[in-house]
Amino acid sequence: MTKVFIDGKEGTTGLQIYDRLGKRADIELLALSDEQRKDPAARKERINAADIVFLCLPDAAAVESVSLCENPQVKIIDASTAHRTAEGWAYGFPELSAAHRRKIEASKRVAVPGCHASGFVSLVYPLIAGGFVSPDYPFVCHSVTGYSGGGKKMIAEYEAEGRAIELDSPRQYALGQTHKHLPEMTKVCGLACEPIFDPIVSDYYSGMCVVVPLHARLMQKKAGVSALKSYFQEYYATQNFIEIAQEPGNYLAANTLAGTNRMRIVCTGNDERIVLASVFDNLGKGASGAAVQCMNIMLGLDERVSLG
């Protein structure tokens, strides 16, 4: 029986992890009362009594929780931004390469990727690895997400009666190009500079579509839509949760994989202006699903356990 403690179970990601693990016979969930959950001594006791600890906390609190861990056997999976580019932490996207998967398997510290970043690296890391673009390619990324990605406060704002009329429209944010996912997008892919990043929140609960356009004339290895589609099919051929769309059609919805841990890669456009997209659930492969997938790998289990 694996003992699991979710530090920050009351947040959106924590609740989703709790729901995914709650019915598993191989998991014992360690809990805290409402009075104890902000007590460092109580949290420290649970952290050190667990086999696996999920951190679903703001960055500063996640760093504090790591400092409370004194048991060298405890494995920590951090869903915050705090450790995604930190030395000694595995980046929790096993499909990127065999080396990424091996590091997760062997590590006691794993950082779950950000939701927008998951879509970006799923497209750009293979492009760099395959030599199709150079690390100094001037990437632009557009990303549409449901409002659940903003956590409880944003969910309440969108679902309130008499809400502001602006919420009826898609809204661009992080306009100053300082989004917290940019450092991992840049470092994980080995880019020479940060991409221009255009995140957009829209009036639906969950689901995400991350888009990266390419100018074929700027690619160092020339390839059209068909060739890139074949490349991505081969690159992700052995992965359980990533598929390549055959015919995307005239519309590309962001919520088609909501409630799953799956990701769909789309290659479209034309051979001069190529459009790559990654569709998935910001709460699934972009958060709690990815966290549980990493836990399964760290425990030597089938990564698909309790994931759809």
C-alpha atoms as a PDB file:
ATOM      1  CA  MET A   1       0.000   0.000   0.000  1.00  0.00           C
ATOM      2  CA  THR A   2       1.480   3.341  -1.090  1.00  0.00           C
ATOM      3  CA  LYS A   3       0.909   6.223   1.326  1.00  0.00           C
ATOM      4  CA  VAL A   4       0.098   9.465  -0.498  1.00  0.00           C
ATOM      5  CA  PHE A   5      -0.222  12.958   0.957  1.00  0.00           C
ATOM      6  CA  ILE A   6      -1.669  15.787  -1.159  1.00  0.00           C
ATOM      7  CA  ASP A   7      -0.413  19.091   0.239  1.00  0.00           C
ATOM      8  CA  GLY A   8      -2.968  21.571  -1.054  1.00  0.00           C
ATOM      9  CA  LYS A   9      -5.847  19.153  -1.646  1.00  0.00           C
ATOM     10  CA  GLU A  10      -8.385  21.997  -1.533  1.00  0.00           C
ATOM     11  CA  GLY A  11      -7.219  23.531  -4.824  1.00  0.00           C
ATOM     12  CA  THR A  12      -8.403  22.544  -8.292  1.00  0.00           C
ATOM     13  CA  THR A  13      -5.409  20.316  -9.093  1.00  0.00           C
ATOM     14  CA  GLY A  14      -5.341  18.784  -5.616  1.00  0.00           C
ATOM     15  CA  LEU A  15      -9.018  17.885  -5.745  1.00  0.00           C
ATOM     16  CA  GLN A  16      -8.580  16.284  -9.162  1.00  0.00           C
ATOM     17  CA  ILE A  17      -5.636  14.180  -7.929  1.00  0.00           C
ATOM     18  CA  TYR A  18      -7.660  13.182  -4.856  1.00  0.00           C
ATOM     19  CA  ASP A  19     -10.578  12.105  -7.058  1.00  0.00           C
ATOM     20  CA  ARG A  20      -8.286  10.087  -9.341  1.00  0.00           C
ATOM     21  CA  LEU A  21      -6.616   8.268  -6.446  1.00  0.00           C
ATOM     22  CA  GLY A  22      -9.535   7.952  -4.047  1.00  0.00           C
ATOM     23  CA  LYS A  23     -10.898   4.725  -5.554  1.00  0.00           C
ATOM     24  CA  ARG A  24      -7.542   2.944  -5.901  1.00  0.00           C
ATOM     25  CA  ALA A  25      -7.005  -0.066  -3.669  1.00  0.00           C
ATOM     26  CA  ASP A  26      -3.213   0.341  -3.792  1.00  0.00           C
ATOM     27  CA  ILE A  27      -3.263   3.903  -2.373  1.00  0.00           C
ATOM     28  CA  GLU A  28      -3.734   5.120   1.193  1.00  0.00           C
ATOM     29  CA  LEU A  29      -4.473   8.833   1.243  1.00  0.00           C
ATOM     30  CA  LEU A  30      -3.088  10.677   4.262  1.00  0.00           C
ATOM     31  CA  ALA A  31      -5.277  13.593   5.285  1.00  0.00           C
ATOM     32  CA  LEU A  32      -5.237  16.683   7.476  1.00  0.00           C
ATOM     33  CA  SER A  33      -8.168  18.365   9.167  1.00  0.00           C
ATOM     34  CA  ASP A  34      -9.116  21.885   8.099  1.00  0.00           C
ATOM     35  CA  GLU A  35      -7.486  23.184  11.264  1.00  0.00           C
ATOM     36  CA  GLN A  36      -4.216  21.348  10.555  1.00  0.00           C
ATOM     37  CA  ARG A  37      -3.693  22.047   6.864  1.00  0.00           C
ATOM     38  CA  LYS A  38      -1.934  25.377   7.473  1.00  0.00           C
ATOM     39  CA  ASP A  39      -0.002  24.076  10.477  1.00  0.00           C
ATOM     40  CA  PRO A  40       3.642  23.496   9.416  1.00  0.00           C
ATOM     41  CA  ALA A  41       4.183  20.862  12.122  1.00  0.00           C
ATOM     42  CA  ALA A  42       1.158  18.842  10.996  1.00  0.00           C
ATOM     43  CA  ARG A  43       2.123  19.142   7.350  1.00  0.00           C
ATOM     44  CA  LYS A  44       5.694  18.114   8.170  1.00  0.00           C
ATOM     45  CA  GLU A  45       4.476  14.984   9.933  1.00  0.00           C
ATOM     46  CA  ARG A  46       2.327  13.939   6.951  1.00  0.00           C
ATOM     47  CA  ILE A  47       5.036  14.748   4.416  1.00  0.00           C
ATOM     48  CA  ASN A  48       7.587  12.576   6.193  1.00  0.00           C
ATOM     49  CA  ALA A  49       5.100   9.742   6.769  1.00  0.00           C
ATOM     50  CA  ALA A  50       4.212   9.468   3.067  1.00  0.00           C
ATOM     51  CA  ASP A  51       5.751   7.514   0.219  1.00  0.00           C
ATOM     52  CA  ILE A  52       4.552  10.057  -2.362  1.00  0.00           C
ATOM     53  CA  VAL A  53       3.764  13.734  -1.717  1.00  0.00           C
ATOM     54  CA  PHE A  54       1.915  15.885  -4.244  1.00  0.00           C
ATOM     55  CA  LEU A  55       2.418  19.630  -3.877  1.00  0.00           C
ATOM     56  CA  CYS A  56      -0.587  21.573  -5.177  1.00  0.00           C
ATOM     57  CA  LEU A  57       0.405  24.910  -3.714  1.00  0.00           C
ATOM     58  CA  PRO A  58       1.584  28.423  -4.598  1.00  0.00           C
ATOM     59  CA  ASP A  59       5.293  28.510  -5.387  1.00  0.00           C
ATOM     60  CA  ALA A  60       6.515  29.818  -2.022  1.00  0.00           C
ATOM     61  CA  ALA A  61       4.464  27.252  -0.113  1.00  0.00           C
ATOM     62  CA  ALA A  62       5.760  24.459  -2.371  1.00  0.00           C
ATOM     63  CA  VAL A  63       9.353  25.465  -1.603  1.00  0.00           C
ATOM     64  CA  GLU A  64       8.504  25.473   2.106  1.00  0.00           C
ATOM     65  CA  SER A  65       6.985  21.984   1.876  1.00  0.00           C
ATOM     66  CA  VAL A  66      10.114  20.610   0.222  1.00  0.00           C
ATOM     67  CA  SER A  67      12.165  22.058   3.096  1.00  0.00           C
ATOM     68  CA  LEU A  68       9.947  20.191   5.582  1.00  0.00           C
ATOM     69  CA  CYS A  69      10.840  16.826   4.040  1.00  0.00           C
ATOM     70  CA  GLU A  70      13.527  15.064   6.101  1.00  0.00           C
ATOM     71  CA  ASN A  71      12.800  11.481   5.051  1.00  0.00           C
ATOM     72  CA  PRO A  72      15.150  10.621   2.145  1.00  0.00           C
ATOM     73  CA  GLN A  73      12.740   7.962   0.897  1.00  0.00           C
ATOM     74  CA  VAL A  74       9.855  10.374   0.255  1.00  0.00           C
ATOM     75  CA  LYS A  75       9.148  11.116  -3.410  1.00  0.00           C
ATOM     76  CA  ILE A  76       7.773  14.576  -4.177  1.00  0.00           C
ATOM     77  CA  ILE A  77       5.730  15.569  -7.227  1.00  0.00           C
ATOM     78  CA  ASP A  78       5.350  19.341  -7.450  1.00  0.00           C
ATOM     79  CA  ALA A  79       2.497  20.774  -9.519  1.00  0.00           C
ATOM     80  CA  SER A  80       3.566  24.386  -8.896  1.00  0.00           C
ATOM     81  CA  THR A  81       5.941  26.488 -10.985  1.00  0.00           C
ATOM     82  CA  ALA A  82       8.611  26.452  -8.292  1.00  0.00           C
ATOM     83  CA  HIS A  83      10.844  23.586  -9.472  1.00  0.00           C
ATOM     84  CA  ARG A  84      10.216  23.177 -13.210  1.00  0.00           C
ATOM     85  CA  THR A  85      13.602  24.567 -14.154  1.00  0.00           C
ATOM     86  CA  ALA A  86      15.404  23.676 -10.914  1.00  0.00           C
ATOM     87  CA  GLU A  87      18.513  21.525 -10.854  1.00  0.00           C
ATOM     88  CA  GLY A  88      17.941  18.034  -9.499  1.00  0.00           C
ATOM     89  CA  TRP A  89      14.276  17.905 -10.504  1.00  0.00           C
ATOM     90  CA  ALA A  90      12.967  15.712 -13.318  1.00  0.00           C
ATOM     91  CA  TYR A  91      10.623  17.393 -15.781  1.00  0.00           C
ATOM     92  CA  GLY A  92       7.391  15.414 -15.698  1.00  0.00           C
ATOM     93  CA  PHE A  93       6.718  14.919 -19.413  1.00  0.00           C
ATOM     94  CA  PRO A  94       7.872  11.332 -20.063  1.00  0.00           C
ATOM     95  CA  GLU A  95       6.850  11.329 -23.712  1.00  0.00           C
ATOM     96  CA  LEU A  96       9.458  13.920 -24.714  1.00  0.00           C
ATOM     97  CA  SER A  97      12.277  11.375 -24.822  1.00  0.00           C
ATOM     98  CA  ALA A  98      13.507   8.104 -23.360  1.00  0.00           C
ATOM     99  CA  ALA A  99      15.875  10.156 -21.195  1.00  0.00           C
ATOM    100  CA  HIS A 100      12.967  12.144 -19.724  1.00  0.00           C
ATOM    101  CA  ARG A 101      11.134   8.923 -18.876  1.00  0.00           C
ATOM    102  CA  ARG A 102      14.216   7.341 -17.288  1.00  0.00           C
ATOM    103  CA  LYS A 103      14.843  10.420 -15.165  1.00  0.00           C
ATOM    104  CA  ILE A 104      11.254  10.343 -13.867  1.00  0.00           C
ATOM    105  CA  GLU A 105      11.588   6.631 -13.100  1.00  0.00           C
ATOM    106  CA  ALA A 106      14.750   7.197 -11.065  1.00  0.00           C
ATOM    107  CA  SER A 107      13.958  10.523  -9.444  1.00  0.00           C
ATOM    108  CA  LYS A 108      12.576  11.404  -6.021  1.00  0.00           C
ATOM    109  CA  ARG A 109      11.780  14.944  -7.198  1.00  0.00           C
ATOM    110  CA  VAL A 110       9.531  15.530 -10.211  1.00  0.00           C
ATOM    111  CA  ALA A 111       8.074  18.838 -11.408  1.00  0.00           C
ATOM    112  CA  VAL A 112       4.788  18.605 -13.302  1.00  0.00           C
ATOM    113  CA  PRO A 113       4.829  20.795 -16.447  1.00  0.00           C
ATOM    114  CA  GLY A 114       2.626  23.856 -16.721  1.00  0.00           C
ATOM    115  CA  CYS A 115      -0.509  23.469 -18.820  1.00  0.00           C
ATOM    116  CA  HIS A 116       0.413  25.930 -21.604  1.00  0.00           C
ATOM    117  CA  ALA A 117       4.000  24.682 -21.473  1.00  0.00           C
ATOM    118  CA  SER A 118       2.858  21.081 -21.967  1.00  0.00           C
ATOM    119  CA  GLY A 119       1.339  21.963 -25.315  1.00  0.00           C
ATOM    120  CA  PHE A 120       4.312  24.050 -26.405  1.00  0.00           C
ATOM    121  CA  VAL A 121       7.015  21.522 -25.521  1.00  0.00           C
ATOM    122  CA  SER A 122       5.012  18.655 -27.073  1.00  0.00           C
ATOM    123  CA  LEU A 123       5.377  20.466 -30.416  1.00  0.00           C
ATOM    124  CA  VAL A 124       8.683  22.331 -30.182  1.00  0.00           C
ATOM    125  CA  TYR A 125      10.917  19.798 -28.393  1.00  0.00           C
ATOM    126  CA  PRO A 126      10.525  17.231 -31.214  1.00  0.00           C
ATOM    127  CA  LEU A 127      11.139  19.940 -33.839  1.00  0.00           C
ATOM    128  CA  ILE A 128      14.437  20.879 -32.208  1.00  0.00           C
ATOM    129  CA  ALA A 129      15.403  17.239 -31.588  1.00  0.00           C
ATOM    130  CA  GLY A 130      14.734  16.387 -35.246  1.00  0.00           C
ATOM    131  CA  GLY A 131      16.725  19.346 -36.559  1.00  0.00           C
ATOM    132  CA  PHE A 132      13.737  20.927 -38.326  1.00  0.00           C
ATOM    133  CA  VAL A 133      14.309  24.297 -36.667  1.00  0.00           C
ATOM    134  CA  SER A 134      17.271  25.821 -34.891  1.00  0.00           C
ATOM    135  CA  PRO A 135      17.143  26.879 -31.218  1.00  0.00           C
ATOM    136  CA  ASP A 136      17.099  30.536 -32.317  1.00  0.00           C
ATOM    137  CA  TYR A 137      13.922  30.165 -34.411  1.00  0.00           C
ATOM    138  CA  PRO A 138      11.575  33.113 -33.588  1.00  0.00           C
ATOM    139  CA  PHE A 139       8.738  31.053 -32.113  1.00  0.00           C
ATOM    140  CA  VAL A 140       5.253  32.458 -31.541  1.00  0.00           C
ATOM    141  CA  CYS A 141       2.723  30.529 -29.454  1.00  0.00           C
ATOM    142  CA  HIS A 142      -1.035  31.084 -29.090  1.00  0.00           C
ATOM    143  CA  SER A 143      -2.878  29.158 -26.381  1.00  0.00           C
ATOM    144  CA  VAL A 144      -6.601  29.001 -25.574  1.00  0.00           C
ATOM    145  CA  THR A 145      -7.668  27.568 -22.224  1.00  0.00           C
ATOM    146  CA  GLY A 146     -10.820  27.070 -20.204  1.00  0.00           C
ATOM    147  CA  TYR A 147     -11.285  29.179 -17.108  1.00  0.00           C
ATOM    148  CA  SER A 148     -10.610  26.308 -14.675  1.00  0.00           C
ATOM    149  CA  GLY A 149      -6.914  26.901 -15.318  1.00  0.00           C
ATOM    150  CA  GLY A 150      -7.175  30.062 -13.208  1.00  0.00           C
ATOM    151  CA  GLY A 151      -8.096  28.117 -10.061  1.00  0.00           C
ATOM    152  CA  LYS A 152     -10.933  28.560  -7.589  1.00  0.00           C
ATOM    153  CA  LYS A 153     -11.008  32.354  -7.732  1.00  0.00           C
ATOM    154  CA  MET A 154     -11.366  32.485 -11.507  1.00  0.00           C
ATOM    155  CA  ILE A 155     -13.867  29.610 -11.542  1.00  0.00           C
ATOM    156  CA  ALA A 156     -16.041  31.505  -9.057  1.00  0.00           C
ATOM    157  CA  GLU A 157     -15.705  34.673 -11.128  1.00  0.00           C
ATOM    158  CA  TYR A 158     -16.845  32.977 -14.332  1.00  0.00           C
ATOM    159  CA  GLU A 159     -19.687  31.050 -12.685  1.00  0.00           C
ATOM    160  CA  ALA A 160     -21.077  33.947 -10.625  1.00  0.00           C
ATOM    161  CA  GLU A 161     -24.464  35.481 -11.358  1.00  0.00           C
ATOM    162  CA  GLY A 162     -24.289  38.979 -12.743  1.00  0.00           C
ATOM    163  CA  ARG A 163     -20.682  38.556 -13.805  1.00  0.00           C
ATOM    164  CA  ALA A 164     -18.860  41.198 -15.854  1.00  0.00           C
ATOM    165  CA  ILE A 165     -19.776  41.274 -19.546  1.00  0.00           C
ATOM    166  CA  GLU A 166     -16.083  41.021 -20.489  1.00  0.00           C
ATOM    167  CA  LEU A 167     -16.134  37.394 -19.367  1.00  0.00           C
ATOM    168  CA  ASP A 168     -18.431  36.535 -22.277  1.00  0.00           C
ATOM    169  CA  SER A 169     -15.501  37.147 -24.602  1.00  0.00           C
ATOM    170  CA  PRO A 170     -12.150  35.357 -24.923  1.00  0.00           C
ATOM    171  CA  ARG A 171      -9.564  37.409 -23.019  1.00  0.00           C
ATOM    172  CA  GLN A 172      -5.850  37.688 -23.715  1.00  0.00           C
ATOM    173  CA  TYR A 173      -3.648  37.999 -20.654  1.00  0.00           C
ATOM    174  CA  ALA A 174       0.023  38.134 -19.602  1.00  0.00           C
ATOM    175  CA  LEU A 175       0.264  40.979 -22.090  1.00  0.00           C
ATOM    176  CA  GLY A 176       3.697  42.036 -20.839  1.00  0.00           C
ATOM    177  CA  GLN A 177       5.281  38.752 -22.002  1.00  0.00           C
ATOM    178  CA  THR A 178       6.081  37.686 -18.431  1.00  0.00           C
ATOM    179  CA  HIS A 179       3.942  34.539 -18.137  1.00  0.00           C
ATOM    180  CA  LYS A 180       5.256  32.107 -15.519  1.00  0.00           C
ATOM    181  CA  HIS A 181       5.438  29.220 -18.024  1.00  0.00           C
ATOM    182  CA  LEU A 182       7.936  30.987 -20.296  1.00  0.00           C
ATOM    183  CA  PRO A 183      11.087  29.880 -18.418  1.00  0.00           C
ATOM    184  CA  GLU A 184      10.266  26.172 -18.729  1.00  0.00           C
ATOM    185  CA  MET A 185       9.109  26.532 -22.340  1.00  0.00           C
ATOM    186  CA  THR A 186      12.499  28.047 -23.145  1.00  0.00           C
ATOM    187  CA  LYS A 187      14.755  25.825 -21.037  1.00  0.00           C
ATOM    188  CA  VAL A 188      13.132  22.451 -21.716  1.00  0.00           C
ATOM    189  CA  CYS A 189      13.232  23.005 -25.474  1.00  0.00           C
ATOM    190  CA  GLY A 190      16.748  24.476 -25.375  1.00  0.00           C
ATOM    191  CA  LEU A 191      15.721  27.721 -27.078  1.00  0.00           C
ATOM    192  CA  ALA A 192      18.068  30.637 -27.533  1.00  0.00           C
ATOM    193  CA  CYS A 193      15.354  33.119 -26.533  1.00  0.00           C
ATOM    194  CA  GLU A 194      11.847  33.101 -25.122  1.00  0.00           C
ATOM    195  CA  PRO A 195       8.962  32.778 -27.591  1.00  0.00           C
ATOM    196  CA  ILE A 196       6.300  35.414 -28.026  1.00  0.00           C
ATOM    197  CA  PHE A 197       3.489  33.890 -25.974  1.00  0.00           C
ATOM    198  CA  ASP A 198      -0.190  34.775 -26.351  1.00  0.00           C
ATOM    199  CA  PRO A 199      -2.361  32.991 -23.735  1.00  0.00           C
ATOM    200  CA  ILE A 200      -6.139  33.404 -23.942  1.00  0.00           C
ATOM    201  CA  VAL A 201      -8.775  32.392 -21.379  1.00  0.00           C
ATOM    202  CA  SER A 202     -12.284  31.709 -22.646  1.00  0.00           C
ATOM    203  CA  ASP A 203     -15.771  31.014 -21.307  1.00  0.00           C
ATOM    204  CA  TYR A 204     -15.740  27.222 -20.975  1.00  0.00           C
ATOM    205  CA  TYR A 205     -14.611  25.060 -18.061  1.00  0.00           C
ATOM    206  CA  SER A 206     -11.683  22.966 -19.265  1.00  0.00           C
ATOM    207  CA  GLY A 207      -9.688  22.025 -22.317  1.00  0.00           C
ATOM    208  CA  MET A 208      -6.773  23.639 -24.104  1.00  0.00           C
ATOM    209  CA  CYS A 209      -5.466  24.223 -27.607  1.00  0.00           C
ATOM    210  CA  VAL A 210      -1.843  25.384 -27.929  1.00  0.00           C
ATOM    211  CA  VAL A 211      -0.817  26.555 -31.402  1.00  0.00           C
ATOM    212  CA  VAL A 212       2.677  27.089 -32.834  1.00  0.00           C
ATOM    213  CA  PRO A 213       2.850  28.463 -36.414  1.00  0.00           C
ATOM    214  CA  LEU A 214       5.929  27.929 -38.584  1.00  0.00           C
ATOM    215  CA  HIS A 215       7.297  29.700 -41.643  1.00  0.00           C
ATOM    216  CA  ALA A 216       8.779  26.949 -43.824  1.00  0.00           C
ATOM    217  CA  ARG A 217      11.319  29.424 -45.252  1.00  0.00           C
ATOM    218  CA  LEU A 218      12.834  29.847 -41.765  1.00  0.00           C
ATOM    219  CA  MET A 219      13.200  26.129 -41.050  1.00  0.00           C
ATOM    220  CA  GLN A 220      16.693  24.658 -41.293  1.00  0.00           C
ATOM    221  CA  LYS A 221      15.331  21.310 -42.500  1.00  0.00           C
ATOM    222  CA  LYS A 222      12.649  21.830 -45.134  1.00  0.00           C
ATOM    223  CA  ALA A 223       9.451  19.872 -44.535  1.00  0.00           C
ATOM    224  CA  GLY A 224       5.796  20.366 -45.407  1.00  0.00           C
ATOM    225  CA  VAL A 225       2.640  19.476 -43.493  1.00  0.00           C
ATOM    226  CA  SER A 226       2.598  15.829 -44.590  1.00  0.00           C
ATOM    227  CA  ALA A 227       6.247  15.244 -43.700  1.00  0.00           C
ATOM    228  CA  LEU A 228       5.859  16.820 -40.272  1.00  0.00           C
ATOM    229  CA  LYS A 229       2.739  14.781 -39.593  1.00  0.00           C
ATOM    230  CA  SER A 230       4.650  11.607 -40.417  1.00  0.00           C
ATOM    231  CA  TYR A 231       7.520  12.736 -38.208  1.00  0.00           C
ATOM    232  CA  PHE A 232       5.257  13.357 -35.212  1.00  0.00           C
ATOM    233  CA  GLN A 233       3.507  10.014 -35.789  1.00  0.00           C
ATOM    234  CA  GLU A 234       6.855   8.250 -35.604  1.00  0.00           C
ATOM    235  CA  TYR A 235       8.108  10.367 -32.697  1.00  0.00           C
ATOM    236  CA  TYR A 236       5.112   9.571 -30.484  1.00  0.00           C
ATOM    237  CA  ALA A 237       4.296   6.128 -31.922  1.00  0.00           C
ATOM    238  CA  THR A 238       4.913   4.191 -28.700  1.00  0.00           C
ATOM    239  CA  GLN A 239       3.225   6.631 -26.312  1.00  0.00           C
ATOM    240  CA  ASN A 240      -0.034   5.794 -24.575  1.00  0.00           C
ATOM    241  CA  PHE A 241      -1.522   9.261 -24.245  1.00  0.00           C
ATOM    242  CA  ILE A 242      -0.439  11.136 -27.384  1.00  0.00           C
ATOM    243  CA  GLU A 243      -2.080  10.695 -30.795  1.00  0.00           C
ATOM    244  CA  ILE A 244      -1.713  12.464 -34.138  1.00  0.00           C
ATOM    245  CA  ALA A 245      -4.867  13.844 -35.752  1.00  0.00           C
ATOM    246  CA  GLN A 246      -5.482  12.624 -39.288  1.00  0.00           C
ATOM    247  CA  GLU A 247      -7.934  15.234 -40.604  1.00  0.00           C
ATOM    248  CA  PRO A 248      -8.441  18.243 -38.329  1.00  0.00           C
ATOM    249  CA  GLY A 249     -11.238  19.689 -40.500  1.00  0.00           C
ATOM    250  CA  ASN A 250     -12.173  23.363 -40.697  1.00  0.00           C
ATOM    251  CA  TYR A 251     -12.436  23.966 -36.960  1.00  0.00           C
ATOM    252  CA  LEU A 252     -10.242  23.030 -34.023  1.00  0.00           C
ATOM    253  CA  ALA A 253     -12.019  23.009 -30.659  1.00  0.00           C
ATOM    254  CA  ALA A 254     -10.065  23.272 -27.431  1.00  0.00           C
ATOM    255  CA  ASN A 255     -12.377  21.181 -25.227  1.00  0.00           C
ATOM    256  CA  THR A 256     -12.625  17.872 -27.119  1.00  0.00           C
ATOM    257  CA  LEU A 257     -10.290  15.991 -24.731  1.00  0.00           C
ATOM    258  CA  ALA A 258     -11.639  17.467 -21.488  1.00  0.00           C
ATOM    259  CA  GLY A 259     -11.797  14.891 -18.715  1.00  0.00           C
ATOM    260  CA  THR A 260      -8.963  12.765 -20.134  1.00  0.00           C
ATOM    261  CA  ASN A 261      -5.180  12.517 -19.889  1.00  0.00           C
ATOM    262  CA  ARG A 262      -4.861  12.365 -23.672  1.00  0.00           C
ATOM    263  CA  MET A 263      -3.176  14.807 -26.023  1.00  0.00           C
ATOM    264  CA  ARG A 264      -3.802  15.208 -29.757  1.00  0.00           C
ATOM    265  CA  ILE A 265      -1.181  16.705 -32.093  1.00  0.00           C
ATOM    266  CA  VAL A 266      -2.469  18.468 -35.200  1.00  0.00           C
ATOM    267  CA  CYS A 267      -0.402  19.352 -38.297  1.00  0.00           C
ATOM    268  CA  THR A 268      -2.225  21.621 -40.733  1.00  0.00           C
ATOM    269  CA  GLY A 269      -1.864  24.822 -42.771  1.00  0.00           C
ATOM    270  CA  ASN A 270       0.097  24.610 -46.004  1.00  0.00           C
ATOM    271  CA  ASP A 271       3.672  23.881 -47.001  1.00  0.00           C
ATOM    272  CA  GLU A 272       4.685  27.552 -46.753  1.00  0.00           C
ATOM    273  CA  ARG A 273       2.865  28.433 -43.500  1.00  0.00           C
ATOM    274  CA  ILE A 274       2.524  25.409 -41.252  1.00  0.00           C
ATOM    275  CA  VAL A 275       0.287  25.327 -38.178  1.00  0.00           C
ATOM    276  CA  LEU A 276       1.005  22.874 -35.364  1.00  0.00           C
ATOM    277  CA  ALA A 277      -1.427  22.448 -32.489  1.00  0.00           C
ATOM    278  CA  SER A 278      -1.660  20.434 -29.304  1.00  0.00           C
ATOM    279  CA  VAL A 279      -5.116  19.744 -27.858  1.00  0.00           C
ATOM    280  CA  PHE A 280      -5.581  18.361 -24.335  1.00  0.00           C
ATOM    281  CA  ASP A 281      -7.223  19.014 -20.974  1.00  0.00           C
ATOM    282  CA  ASN A 282      -5.576  21.718 -18.890  1.00  0.00           C
ATOM    283  CA  LEU A 283      -6.737  19.777 -15.807  1.00  0.00           C
ATOM    284  CA  GLY A 284      -5.674  16.396 -17.215  1.00  0.00           C
ATOM    285  CA  LYS A 285      -2.452  16.119 -19.223  1.00  0.00           C
ATOM    286  CA  GLY A 286      -1.886  19.750 -18.250  1.00  0.00           C
ATOM    287  CA  ALA A 287      -2.085  19.199 -14.476  1.00  0.00           C
ATOM    288  CA  SER A 288      -3.529  16.407 -12.320  1.00  0.00           C
ATOM    289  CA  GLY A 289      -3.465  13.684 -14.978  1.00  0.00           C
ATOM    290  CA  ALA A 290       0.201  14.348 -15.694  1.00  0.00           C
ATOM    291  CA  ALA A 291       0.950  14.287 -11.959  1.00  0.00           C
ATOM    292  CA  VAL A 292      -0.708  10.883 -11.494  1.00  0.00           C
ATOM    293  CA  GLN A 293       1.006   9.564 -14.636  1.00  0.00           C
ATOM    294  CA  CYS A 294       4.374  10.559 -13.149  1.00  0.00           C
ATOM    295  CA  MET A 295       3.484   8.885  -9.858  1.00  0.00           C
ATOM    296  CA  ASN A 296       2.649   5.642 -11.657  1.00  0.00           C
ATOM    297  CA  ILE A 297       5.993   5.737 -13.459  1.00  0.00           C
ATOM    298  CA  MET A 298       7.908   6.511 -10.255  1.00  0.00           C
ATOM    299  CA  LEU A 299       6.251   3.534  -8.567  1.00  0.00           C
ATOM    300  CA  GLY A 300       7.046   1.193 -11.467  1.00  0.00           C
ATOM    301  CA  LEU A 301       3.360   0.786 -12.381  1.00  0.00           C
ATOM    302  CA  ASP A 302       1.589   0.938 -15.727  1.00  0.00           C
ATOM    303  CA  GLU A 303       1.414   4.685 -16.381  1.00  0.00           C
ATOM    304  CA  ARG A 304      -2.227   4.342 -17.459  1.00  0.00           C
ATOM    305  CA  VAL A 305      -3.570   3.279 -14.050  1.00  0.00           C
ATOM    306  CA  SER A 306      -6.568   5.453 -13.077  1.00  0.00           C
ATOM    307  CA  LEU A 307      -6.107   7.617 -16.195  1.00  0.00           C
ATOM    308  CA  GLY A 308      -8.325   7.776 -19.266  1.00  0.00           C
END
